[in-house]
N, C-alpha and C. Protein backbone atom coordinates (compact mmCIF):
# COMPACT_ATOMS: atom_id res chain seq x y z
N MET A 1 -18.65 -1.09 -0.53
CA MET A 1 -17.72 -0.27 -1.28
C MET A 1 -16.97 -1.13 -2.29
N ASN A 2 -16.82 -0.62 -3.48
CA ASN A 2 -16.07 -1.29 -4.52
C ASN A 2 -14.62 -0.82 -4.43
N PHE A 3 -13.68 -1.74 -4.29
CA PHE A 3 -12.28 -1.37 -4.09
C PHE A 3 -11.50 -1.46 -5.39
N PRO A 4 -10.75 -0.40 -5.73
CA PRO A 4 -9.90 -0.43 -6.93
C PRO A 4 -8.61 -1.19 -6.64
N ASP A 5 -7.76 -1.32 -7.64
CA ASP A 5 -6.47 -1.98 -7.44
C ASP A 5 -5.45 -1.07 -6.78
N GLU A 6 -5.62 0.25 -6.93
CA GLU A 6 -4.65 1.19 -6.37
C GLU A 6 -5.34 2.34 -5.63
N TRP A 7 -4.67 2.83 -4.62
CA TRP A 7 -5.06 4.06 -3.95
C TRP A 7 -3.86 4.98 -3.89
N THR A 8 -4.07 6.27 -4.05
CA THR A 8 -3.04 7.25 -3.79
C THR A 8 -2.96 7.41 -2.27
N GLN A 9 -1.96 8.14 -1.80
CA GLN A 9 -1.86 8.39 -0.37
C GLN A 9 -3.10 9.12 0.13
N LYS A 10 -3.56 10.11 -0.63
CA LYS A 10 -4.74 10.87 -0.23
C LYS A 10 -5.96 9.95 -0.13
N GLU A 11 -6.16 9.09 -1.13
CA GLU A 11 -7.29 8.17 -1.10
C GLU A 11 -7.17 7.22 0.09
N PHE A 12 -5.95 6.74 0.34
CA PHE A 12 -5.73 5.86 1.49
C PHE A 12 -6.16 6.54 2.79
N LEU A 13 -5.69 7.76 3.00
CA LEU A 13 -6.02 8.48 4.23
C LEU A 13 -7.51 8.75 4.36
N GLN A 14 -8.16 9.15 3.26
CA GLN A 14 -9.60 9.42 3.28
C GLN A 14 -10.40 8.16 3.58
N HIS A 15 -10.10 7.09 2.84
CA HIS A 15 -10.85 5.84 3.02
C HIS A 15 -10.57 5.21 4.37
N LYS A 16 -9.33 5.33 4.85
CA LYS A 16 -8.99 4.76 6.15
C LYS A 16 -9.86 5.39 7.23
N ASN A 17 -9.95 6.71 7.24
CA ASN A 17 -10.77 7.40 8.24
C ASN A 17 -12.23 6.95 8.16
N LYS A 18 -12.77 6.91 6.95
CA LYS A 18 -14.18 6.55 6.75
C LYS A 18 -14.45 5.10 7.15
N LEU A 19 -13.60 4.19 6.67
CA LEU A 19 -13.82 2.77 6.93
C LEU A 19 -13.62 2.41 8.39
N GLN A 20 -12.66 3.05 9.04
CA GLN A 20 -12.44 2.75 10.45
C GLN A 20 -13.63 3.20 11.30
N LYS A 21 -14.30 4.27 10.89
CA LYS A 21 -15.52 4.68 11.59
C LYS A 21 -16.62 3.64 11.46
N GLU A 22 -16.55 2.86 10.36
CA GLU A 22 -17.52 1.79 10.12
C GLU A 22 -17.07 0.46 10.73
N GLY A 23 -15.91 0.47 11.42
CA GLY A 23 -15.41 -0.74 12.07
C GLY A 23 -14.59 -1.65 11.18
N ILE A 24 -14.12 -1.14 10.05
CA ILE A 24 -13.32 -1.93 9.13
C ILE A 24 -11.86 -1.52 9.28
N ASP A 25 -10.99 -2.52 9.51
CA ASP A 25 -9.56 -2.25 9.63
C ASP A 25 -8.96 -1.94 8.27
N VAL A 26 -8.12 -0.91 8.22
CA VAL A 26 -7.37 -0.56 7.02
C VAL A 26 -5.90 -0.57 7.43
N VAL A 27 -5.13 -1.47 6.81
CA VAL A 27 -3.76 -1.72 7.25
C VAL A 27 -2.78 -1.41 6.14
N LEU A 28 -1.76 -0.62 6.44
CA LEU A 28 -0.69 -0.30 5.50
C LEU A 28 0.40 -1.35 5.68
N VAL A 29 0.64 -2.16 4.63
CA VAL A 29 1.51 -3.33 4.72
C VAL A 29 2.84 -3.08 4.00
N ASP A 30 3.92 -3.15 4.76
CA ASP A 30 5.28 -2.95 4.27
C ASP A 30 5.80 -4.25 3.66
N THR A 31 6.06 -4.25 2.36
CA THR A 31 6.58 -5.47 1.70
C THR A 31 8.09 -5.40 1.46
N ILE A 32 8.74 -4.32 1.87
CA ILE A 32 10.16 -4.11 1.56
C ILE A 32 11.03 -3.91 2.80
N LEU A 33 10.46 -4.12 3.97
CA LEU A 33 11.19 -3.94 5.24
C LEU A 33 11.73 -2.52 5.38
N ALA A 34 10.92 -1.55 4.97
CA ALA A 34 11.28 -0.13 5.08
C ALA A 34 10.04 0.64 5.53
N PRO A 35 9.82 0.74 6.85
CA PRO A 35 8.64 1.45 7.34
C PRO A 35 8.61 2.91 6.88
N ILE A 36 7.42 3.43 6.74
CA ILE A 36 7.24 4.84 6.36
C ILE A 36 7.19 5.67 7.64
N ASP A 37 7.98 6.74 7.67
CA ASP A 37 7.99 7.63 8.83
C ASP A 37 6.60 8.18 9.10
N LYS A 38 6.23 8.22 10.36
CA LYS A 38 4.96 8.79 10.83
C LYS A 38 3.73 8.07 10.28
N ALA A 39 3.90 6.84 9.81
CA ALA A 39 2.75 6.06 9.33
C ALA A 39 2.73 4.75 10.11
N ASN A 40 1.56 4.33 10.47
CA ASN A 40 1.42 3.07 11.20
C ASN A 40 1.42 1.93 10.18
N THR A 41 2.56 1.24 10.06
CA THR A 41 2.69 0.16 9.09
C THR A 41 2.95 -1.15 9.82
N ILE A 42 2.65 -2.26 9.13
CA ILE A 42 3.05 -3.57 9.63
C ILE A 42 3.85 -4.26 8.54
N THR A 43 4.78 -5.09 8.94
CA THR A 43 5.60 -5.84 7.99
C THR A 43 4.78 -6.99 7.42
N TYR A 44 4.94 -7.24 6.13
CA TYR A 44 4.21 -8.32 5.46
C TYR A 44 4.50 -9.65 6.14
N ASN A 45 3.46 -10.27 6.66
CA ASN A 45 3.54 -11.57 7.30
C ASN A 45 2.16 -12.21 7.16
N PRO A 46 2.01 -13.15 6.23
CA PRO A 46 0.69 -13.73 5.97
C PRO A 46 0.01 -14.29 7.23
N TYR A 47 0.76 -14.91 8.10
CA TYR A 47 0.18 -15.47 9.32
C TYR A 47 -0.46 -14.36 10.17
N GLU A 48 0.25 -13.27 10.36
CA GLU A 48 -0.26 -12.16 11.16
C GLU A 48 -1.43 -11.45 10.46
N LEU A 49 -1.35 -11.29 9.14
CA LEU A 49 -2.41 -10.61 8.40
C LEU A 49 -3.74 -11.36 8.51
N LYS A 50 -3.66 -12.69 8.53
CA LYS A 50 -4.89 -13.49 8.60
C LYS A 50 -5.56 -13.41 9.97
N LYS A 51 -4.92 -12.76 10.94
CA LYS A 51 -5.53 -12.55 12.26
C LYS A 51 -6.50 -11.37 12.25
N TYR A 52 -6.42 -10.53 11.21
CA TYR A 52 -7.33 -9.39 11.12
C TYR A 52 -8.73 -9.89 10.76
N PRO A 53 -9.76 -9.16 11.16
CA PRO A 53 -11.13 -9.58 10.83
C PRO A 53 -11.36 -9.66 9.31
N LYS A 54 -12.14 -10.63 8.91
CA LYS A 54 -12.46 -10.76 7.48
C LYS A 54 -13.12 -9.46 7.00
N GLY A 55 -12.77 -9.05 5.79
CA GLY A 55 -13.28 -7.79 5.26
C GLY A 55 -12.35 -6.62 5.48
N SER A 56 -11.25 -6.85 6.22
CA SER A 56 -10.25 -5.80 6.41
C SER A 56 -9.62 -5.44 5.08
N VAL A 57 -9.04 -4.24 5.01
CA VAL A 57 -8.41 -3.75 3.79
C VAL A 57 -6.91 -3.72 4.01
N PHE A 58 -6.16 -4.42 3.14
CA PHE A 58 -4.71 -4.41 3.19
C PHE A 58 -4.20 -3.55 2.04
N VAL A 59 -3.42 -2.53 2.37
CA VAL A 59 -2.83 -1.66 1.36
C VAL A 59 -1.33 -1.94 1.35
N PHE A 60 -0.88 -2.63 0.31
CA PHE A 60 0.51 -3.05 0.20
C PHE A 60 1.35 -1.96 -0.45
N TYR A 61 2.57 -1.78 0.05
CA TYR A 61 3.46 -0.80 -0.60
C TYR A 61 4.86 -1.35 -0.74
N CYS A 62 5.55 -0.84 -1.77
CA CYS A 62 6.96 -1.10 -2.02
C CYS A 62 7.60 0.27 -2.24
N ASP A 63 8.74 0.31 -2.90
CA ASP A 63 9.39 1.61 -3.13
C ASP A 63 8.65 2.48 -4.13
N SER A 64 8.17 1.87 -5.22
CA SER A 64 7.56 2.66 -6.30
C SER A 64 6.08 2.36 -6.54
N GLY A 65 5.58 1.30 -5.95
CA GLY A 65 4.20 0.89 -6.18
C GLY A 65 4.04 -0.09 -7.32
N LYS A 66 5.09 -0.25 -8.13
CA LYS A 66 4.99 -1.14 -9.30
C LYS A 66 5.00 -2.61 -8.90
N ALA A 67 5.89 -2.99 -8.00
CA ALA A 67 5.99 -4.40 -7.61
C ALA A 67 4.72 -4.88 -6.91
N THR A 68 4.17 -4.05 -6.02
CA THR A 68 2.96 -4.48 -5.32
C THR A 68 1.76 -4.53 -6.27
N LEU A 69 1.73 -3.64 -7.24
CA LEU A 69 0.65 -3.69 -8.22
C LEU A 69 0.78 -4.96 -9.07
N ASN A 70 2.02 -5.31 -9.45
CA ASN A 70 2.24 -6.52 -10.24
C ASN A 70 1.90 -7.79 -9.45
N ARG A 71 2.10 -7.76 -8.14
CA ARG A 71 1.83 -8.93 -7.29
C ARG A 71 0.42 -8.91 -6.69
N LEU A 72 -0.37 -7.93 -7.03
CA LEU A 72 -1.69 -7.79 -6.43
C LEU A 72 -2.55 -9.05 -6.60
N GLY A 73 -2.47 -9.67 -7.76
CA GLY A 73 -3.22 -10.91 -7.99
C GLY A 73 -2.83 -12.00 -7.02
N GLU A 74 -1.54 -12.10 -6.71
CA GLU A 74 -1.06 -13.09 -5.74
C GLU A 74 -1.62 -12.79 -4.35
N TYR A 75 -1.60 -11.51 -3.98
CA TYR A 75 -2.12 -11.14 -2.67
C TYR A 75 -3.62 -11.45 -2.57
N LYS A 76 -4.35 -11.17 -3.63
CA LYS A 76 -5.80 -11.43 -3.63
C LYS A 76 -6.09 -12.92 -3.51
N LYS A 77 -5.26 -13.78 -4.14
CA LYS A 77 -5.44 -15.23 -4.02
C LYS A 77 -5.10 -15.70 -2.61
N LYS A 78 -4.06 -15.11 -2.03
CA LYS A 78 -3.61 -15.51 -0.70
C LYS A 78 -4.58 -15.04 0.40
N PHE A 79 -5.24 -13.91 0.15
CA PHE A 79 -6.15 -13.33 1.14
C PHE A 79 -7.55 -13.10 0.53
N PRO A 80 -8.25 -14.17 0.17
CA PRO A 80 -9.54 -14.00 -0.51
C PRO A 80 -10.64 -13.39 0.36
N GLN A 81 -10.49 -13.44 1.66
CA GLN A 81 -11.49 -12.89 2.58
C GLN A 81 -11.27 -11.41 2.89
N TYR A 82 -10.24 -10.83 2.25
CA TYR A 82 -9.85 -9.46 2.53
C TYR A 82 -9.81 -8.66 1.24
N HIS A 83 -9.71 -7.35 1.36
CA HIS A 83 -9.57 -6.48 0.19
C HIS A 83 -8.10 -6.08 0.09
N CYS A 84 -7.49 -6.32 -1.07
CA CYS A 84 -6.08 -6.03 -1.27
C CYS A 84 -5.92 -4.91 -2.29
N ILE A 85 -5.12 -3.92 -1.92
CA ILE A 85 -4.92 -2.73 -2.75
C ILE A 85 -3.44 -2.39 -2.75
N SER A 86 -2.95 -1.83 -3.84
CA SER A 86 -1.57 -1.35 -3.94
C SER A 86 -1.55 0.16 -3.71
N LEU A 87 -0.52 0.63 -3.02
CA LEU A 87 -0.35 2.06 -2.80
C LEU A 87 0.34 2.67 -4.02
N ARG A 88 -0.36 3.50 -4.77
CA ARG A 88 0.20 4.12 -5.98
C ARG A 88 1.39 5.01 -5.61
N GLY A 89 2.50 4.79 -6.30
CA GLY A 89 3.72 5.55 -6.05
C GLY A 89 4.56 5.00 -4.91
N GLY A 90 3.98 4.09 -4.14
CA GLY A 90 4.71 3.44 -3.07
C GLY A 90 5.29 4.40 -2.04
N ARG A 91 6.33 3.92 -1.41
CA ARG A 91 7.00 4.69 -0.36
C ARG A 91 7.63 5.97 -0.90
N GLY A 92 8.06 5.93 -2.16
CA GLY A 92 8.72 7.07 -2.78
C GLY A 92 7.85 8.31 -2.91
N TYR A 93 6.54 8.13 -3.03
CA TYR A 93 5.64 9.27 -3.19
C TYR A 93 4.90 9.63 -1.90
N TRP A 94 5.22 8.93 -0.82
CA TRP A 94 4.54 9.19 0.45
C TRP A 94 4.97 10.54 0.99
N ARG A 95 4.02 11.37 1.32
CA ARG A 95 4.29 12.69 1.91
C ARG A 95 4.03 12.59 3.41
N VAL A 96 5.11 12.67 4.18
CA VAL A 96 5.06 12.42 5.61
C VAL A 96 4.04 13.30 6.33
N ASN A 97 3.91 14.54 5.93
CA ASN A 97 3.04 15.46 6.65
C ASN A 97 1.67 15.64 6.01
N MET A 98 1.33 14.83 5.02
CA MET A 98 0.02 14.98 4.39
C MET A 98 -1.08 14.60 5.37
N GLN A 99 -2.12 15.40 5.38
CA GLN A 99 -3.30 15.13 6.19
C GLN A 99 -4.53 15.37 5.33
N VAL A 100 -5.62 14.77 5.72
CA VAL A 100 -6.87 15.01 5.01
C VAL A 100 -7.85 15.68 5.97
N ASN A 101 -8.65 16.54 5.41
CA ASN A 101 -9.67 17.23 6.18
C ASN A 101 -10.93 16.39 6.11
N GLU A 102 -11.32 15.82 7.24
CA GLU A 102 -12.48 14.94 7.26
C GLU A 102 -13.77 15.66 6.90
N ASP A 103 -13.84 16.96 7.12
CA ASP A 103 -15.05 17.72 6.82
C ASP A 103 -15.16 18.11 5.36
N ALA A 104 -14.11 17.88 4.58
CA ALA A 104 -14.09 18.32 3.18
C ALA A 104 -15.14 17.62 2.32
N ASP A 105 -15.45 16.36 2.65
CA ASP A 105 -16.43 15.62 1.86
C ASP A 105 -17.86 15.96 2.20
N GLU A 106 -18.07 16.61 3.33
CA GLU A 106 -19.44 16.89 3.77
C GLU A 106 -19.96 18.18 3.20
């Protein structure tokens, strides 16, 4: 799979379901110490992130998505064995109750 620099929440949820079925970890990474309600997030910690299997996908978020997109190059250099993506709109555009229908693509 070719990974873009940004994913919307919907794209994140769709790809997370698909990739996890293939055995690839998709991790939502909190860079602002503000977890998203009802979302499984981890706080940014390079030491802990490097414990994930190579090829895992890290989706970084901030309040608006701008800071993580601007720092994406730094994340990619720091984690060359992983896929780094910014969450478009960040925490501010996250819809707590959004769900994706897994059968919609079939």
